[in-house]
C-alpha atoms as a PDB file:
ATOM      1  CA  MET A   1      86.558  35.115 112.984  1.00  0.00           C
ATOM      2  CA  ASN A   2      87.691  31.740 114.271  1.00  0.00           C
ATOM      3  CA  ARG A   3      91.174  31.064 112.891  1.00  0.00           C
ATOM      4  CA  LEU A   4      91.784  27.736 114.624  1.00  0.00           C
ATOM      5  CA  ILE A   5      91.311  24.557 112.616  1.00  0.00           C
ATOM      6  CA  CYS A   6      92.822  22.107 115.119  1.00  0.00           C
ATOM      7  CA  SER A   7      95.347  21.731 117.923  1.00  0.00           C
ATOM      8  CA  PHE A   8      98.001  19.045 118.144  1.00  0.00           C
ATOM      9  CA  ASP A   9      97.834  18.302 121.859  1.00  0.00           C
ATOM     10  CA  CYS A  10     100.461  15.537 121.771  1.00  0.00           C
ATOM     11  CA  LEU A  11     103.149  18.246 121.400  1.00  0.00           C
ATOM     12  CA  HIS A  12     102.216  20.152 124.569  1.00  0.00           C
ATOM     13  CA  ASP A  13     105.245  20.587 126.855  1.00  0.00           C
ATOM     14  CA  ASN A  14     107.459  18.477 124.579  1.00  0.00           C
ATOM     15  CA  ARG A  15     111.166  19.180 124.515  1.00  0.00           C
ATOM     16  CA  VAL A  16     112.583  19.752 121.026  1.00  0.00           C
ATOM     17  CA  LEU A  17     115.376  17.257 120.360  1.00  0.00           C
ATOM     18  CA  SER A  18     116.138  18.340 116.804  1.00  0.00           C
ATOM     19  CA  TYR A  19     114.688  19.645 113.594  1.00  0.00           C
ATOM     20  CA  TYR A  20     115.929  19.618 110.060  1.00  0.00           C
ATOM     21  CA  THR A  21     114.774  20.783 106.673  1.00  0.00           C
ATOM     22  CA  ASP A  22     115.396  19.025 103.382  1.00  0.00           C
ATOM     23  CA  PHE A  23     114.902  21.665 100.720  1.00  0.00           C
ATOM     24  CA  GLU A  24     115.309  19.153  97.911  1.00  0.00           C
ATOM     25  CA  THR A  25     112.374  17.018  99.065  1.00  0.00           C
ATOM     26  CA  HIS A  26     110.393  19.935 100.571  1.00  0.00           C
ATOM     27  CA  THR A  27     110.189  18.367 104.027  1.00  0.00           C
ATOM     28  CA  LEU A  28     110.792  19.482 107.592  1.00  0.00           C
ATOM     29  CA  ARG A  29     111.103  17.056 110.501  1.00  0.00           C
ATOM     30  CA  LEU A  30     110.625  18.152 114.099  1.00  0.00           C
ATOM     31  CA  ASN A  31     111.721  15.594 116.707  1.00  0.00           C
ATOM     32  CA  THR A  32     110.426  16.030 120.254  1.00  0.00           C
ATOM     33  CA  GLN A  33     110.167  14.159 123.537  1.00  0.00           C
ATOM     34  CA  THR A  34     107.368  14.167 126.102  1.00  0.00           C
ATOM     35  CA  GLU A  35     107.959  14.602 129.822  1.00  0.00           C
ATOM     36  CA  ALA A  36     107.463  10.820 130.136  1.00  0.00           C
ATOM     37  CA  GLY A  37     110.257  10.189 127.612  1.00  0.00           C
ATOM     38  CA  GLU A  38     108.089   9.221 124.629  1.00  0.00           C
ATOM     39  CA  LYS A  39     109.441  10.494 121.319  1.00  0.00           C
ATOM     40  CA  VAL A  40     107.044  12.323 119.000  1.00  0.00           C
ATOM     41  CA  SER A  41     108.128  13.257 115.493  1.00  0.00           C
ATOM     42  CA  GLY A  42     106.347  15.681 113.196  1.00  0.00           C
ATOM     43  CA  CYS A  43     107.007  15.389 109.477  1.00  0.00           C
ATOM     44  CA  PHE A  44     105.852  18.317 107.345  1.00  0.00           C
ATOM     45  CA  THR A  45     105.644  17.569 103.618  1.00  0.00           C
ATOM     46  CA  GLY A  46     105.016  19.867 100.698  1.00  0.00           C
ATOM     47  CA  LEU A  47     107.003  22.492 102.597  1.00  0.00           C
ATOM     48  CA  LEU A  48     106.732  26.008 101.199  1.00  0.00           C
ATOM     49  CA  ALA A  49     108.514  27.842 104.021  1.00  0.00           C
ATOM     50  CA  HIS A  50     109.160  27.918 107.738  1.00  0.00           C
ATOM     51  CA  ARG A  51     110.175  30.591 110.198  1.00  0.00           C
ATOM     52  CA  PHE A  52     111.499  29.739 113.636  1.00  0.00           C
ATOM     53  CA  GLU A  53     112.487  32.263 116.272  1.00  0.00           C
ATOM     54  CA  ASN A  54     114.087  32.157 119.718  1.00  0.00           C
ATOM     55  CA  VAL A  55     115.839  28.843 119.085  1.00  0.00           C
ATOM     56  CA  THR A  56     117.952  27.817 122.076  1.00  0.00           C
ATOM     57  CA  GLN A  57     119.585  24.625 123.338  1.00  0.00           C
ATOM     58  CA  ASP A  58     116.564  23.854 125.511  1.00  0.00           C
ATOM     59  CA  ASN A  59     113.326  24.401 123.611  1.00  0.00           C
ATOM     60  CA  ILE A  60     110.003  23.406 125.125  1.00  0.00           C
ATOM     61  CA  LEU A  61     106.875  23.629 123.008  1.00  0.00           C
ATOM     62  CA  PHE A  62     103.617  24.959 124.362  1.00  0.00           C
ATOM     63  CA  GLY A  63     101.889  23.314 121.403  1.00  0.00           C
ATOM     64  CA  MET A  64     101.033  23.515 117.733  1.00  0.00           C
ATOM     65  CA  ASP A  65      97.853  24.708 116.051  1.00  0.00           C
ATOM     66  CA  GLU A  66      96.686  24.721 112.476  1.00  0.00           C
ATOM     67  CA  ILE A  67      95.033  28.002 111.539  1.00  0.00           C
ATOM     68  CA  THR A  68      93.120  29.071 108.446  1.00  0.00           C
ATOM     69  CA  VAL A  69      94.938  30.649 105.543  1.00  0.00           C
ATOM     70  CA  GLU A  70      92.754  33.744 105.929  1.00  0.00           C
ATOM     71  CA  GLY A  71      93.650  33.847 109.617  1.00  0.00           C
ATOM     72  CA  PHE A  72      97.329  33.625 108.672  1.00  0.00           C
ATOM     73  CA  PHE A  73      97.096  36.631 106.360  1.00  0.00           C
ATOM     74  CA  GLU A  74      95.172  38.594 108.969  1.00  0.00           C
ATOM     75  CA  GLN A  75      97.318  37.673 111.983  1.00  0.00           C
ATOM     76  CA  TYR A  76     100.708  37.932 110.241  1.00  0.00           C
ATOM     77  CA  LYS A  77     100.096  40.860 107.866  1.00  0.00           C
ATOM     78  CA  ASP A  78     102.820  43.008 109.471  1.00  0.00           C
ATOM     79  CA  LEU A  79     105.361  40.179 109.344  1.00  0.00           C
ATOM     80  CA  LEU A  80     104.515  39.476 105.692  1.00  0.00           C
ATOM     81  CA  ALA A  81     104.686  43.162 104.732  1.00  0.00           C
ATOM     82  CA  HIS A  82     108.261  43.213 106.024  1.00  0.00           C
ATOM     83  CA  SER A  83     109.513  39.722 105.197  1.00  0.00           C
ATOM     84  CA  LEU A  84     108.240  39.386 101.621  1.00  0.00           C
ATOM     85  CA  GLN A  85     110.803  41.966 100.499  1.00  0.00           C
ATOM     86  CA  TYR A  86     113.511  39.591 101.754  1.00  0.00           C
ATOM     87  CA  GLY A  87     112.067  36.506 100.086  1.00  0.00           C
ATOM     88  CA  PHE A  88     110.049  34.964 102.922  1.00  0.00           C
ATOM     89  CA  PRO A  89     108.091  33.165 101.692  1.00  0.00           C
ATOM     90  CA  ALA A  90     109.508  33.072  98.186  1.00  0.00           C
ATOM     91  CA  CYS A  91     106.834  35.218  96.518  1.00  0.00           C
ATOM     92  CA  CYS A  92     106.726  38.744  95.208  1.00  0.00           C
ATOM     93  CA  SER A  93     103.494  39.910  96.815  1.00  0.00           C
ATOM     94  CA  ILE A  94     100.818  38.956  99.304  1.00  0.00           C
ATOM     95  CA  GLU A  95      98.405  38.313  96.428  1.00  0.00           C
ATOM     96  CA  GLU A  96     100.889  35.955  94.748  1.00  0.00           C
ATOM     97  CA  LEU A  97     101.485  34.154  98.045  1.00  0.00           C
ATOM     98  CA  ARG A  98      97.752  33.780  98.677  1.00  0.00           C
ATOM     99  CA  GLU A  99      97.243  32.388  95.171  1.00  0.00           C
ATOM    100  CA  ARG A 100     100.136  29.955  95.529  1.00  0.00           C
ATOM    101  CA  MET A 101      98.940  28.735  98.901  1.00  0.00           C
ATOM    102  CA  THR A 102      95.468  28.135  97.471  1.00  0.00           C
ATOM    103  CA  GLN A 103      96.717  26.347  94.358  1.00  0.00           C
ATOM    104  CA  GLU A 104      99.191  24.147  96.241  1.00  0.00           C
ATOM    105  CA  LYS A 105      96.817  23.550  99.184  1.00  0.00           C
ATOM    106  CA  ILE A 106      99.325  24.949 101.676  1.00  0.00           C
ATOM    107  CA  ARG A 107      98.266  24.805 105.316  1.00  0.00           C
ATOM    108  CA  VAL A 108      99.484  26.999 108.185  1.00  0.00           C
ATOM    109  CA  PHE A 109     100.925  25.492 111.365  1.00  0.00           C
ATOM    110  CA  VAL A 110     101.756  27.798 114.276  1.00  0.00           C
ATOM    111  CA  ILE A 111     104.212  26.515 116.877  1.00  0.00           C
ATOM    112  CA  ASP A 112     103.953  28.191 120.269  1.00  0.00           C
ATOM    113  CA  SER A 113     106.652  28.084 122.876  1.00  0.00           C
ATOM    114  CA  SER A 114     106.876  27.590 126.594  1.00  0.00           C
ATOM    115  CA  LEU A 115     110.626  28.147 126.259  1.00  0.00           C
ATOM    116  CA  GLY A 116     112.647  28.949 123.149  1.00  0.00           C
ATOM    117  CA  LEU A 117     111.563  27.822 119.690  1.00  0.00           C
ATOM    118  CA  CYS A 118     108.373  29.220 118.212  1.00  0.00           C
ATOM    119  CA  GLY A 119     107.275  29.987 114.687  1.00  0.00           C
ATOM    120  CA  LEU A 120     105.390  28.997 111.566  1.00  0.00           C
ATOM    121  CA  VAL A 121     105.438  26.147 109.092  1.00  0.00           C
ATOM    122  CA  LEU A 122     103.714  26.493 105.725  1.00  0.00           C
ATOM    123  CA  ALA A 123     103.262  23.007 104.279  1.00  0.00           C
ATOM    124  CA  GLN A 124     100.728  20.762 102.568  1.00  0.00           C
ATOM    125  CA  GLU A 125     100.647  18.054 105.225  1.00  0.00           C
ATOM    126  CA  VAL A 126     101.874  17.133 108.671  1.00  0.00           C
ATOM    127  CA  GLU A 127     102.073  13.662 110.134  1.00  0.00           C
ATOM    128  CA  LEU A 128     102.813  13.070 113.809  1.00  0.00           C
ATOM    129  CA  GLN A 129     104.384   9.774 114.819  1.00  0.00           C
ATOM    130  CA  CYS A 130     104.877   8.435 118.327  1.00  0.00           C
ATOM    131  CA  GLN A 131     107.823   6.108 118.747  1.00  0.00           C
END
């Protein structure tokens, strides 16, 4: 089963400058910088949840991929079995989460790390902007 929908190559080897979540507007912004100094910002809208791990002062991304929802449930079934009981994402069961993601057209973005920050973003859209 091919889980990959697309890769966001413009984030490869970018240093994370900052990120912030606005729970009121359901957005997450990830600000990065390329090795050449170009700033690349990712704005996730329709945010359902995010989970970042290994966050340090110096985070370098390996990249970001969008995977299928089915791939998400297959690849992260152990994480979900544990984390749903603590409210991540804010659903009572895997079936409820699957239904909500389908109804709200939630997509799955996986952030891989070269150093530090890695994780998941569950959101409706992402827009990357180069500055």
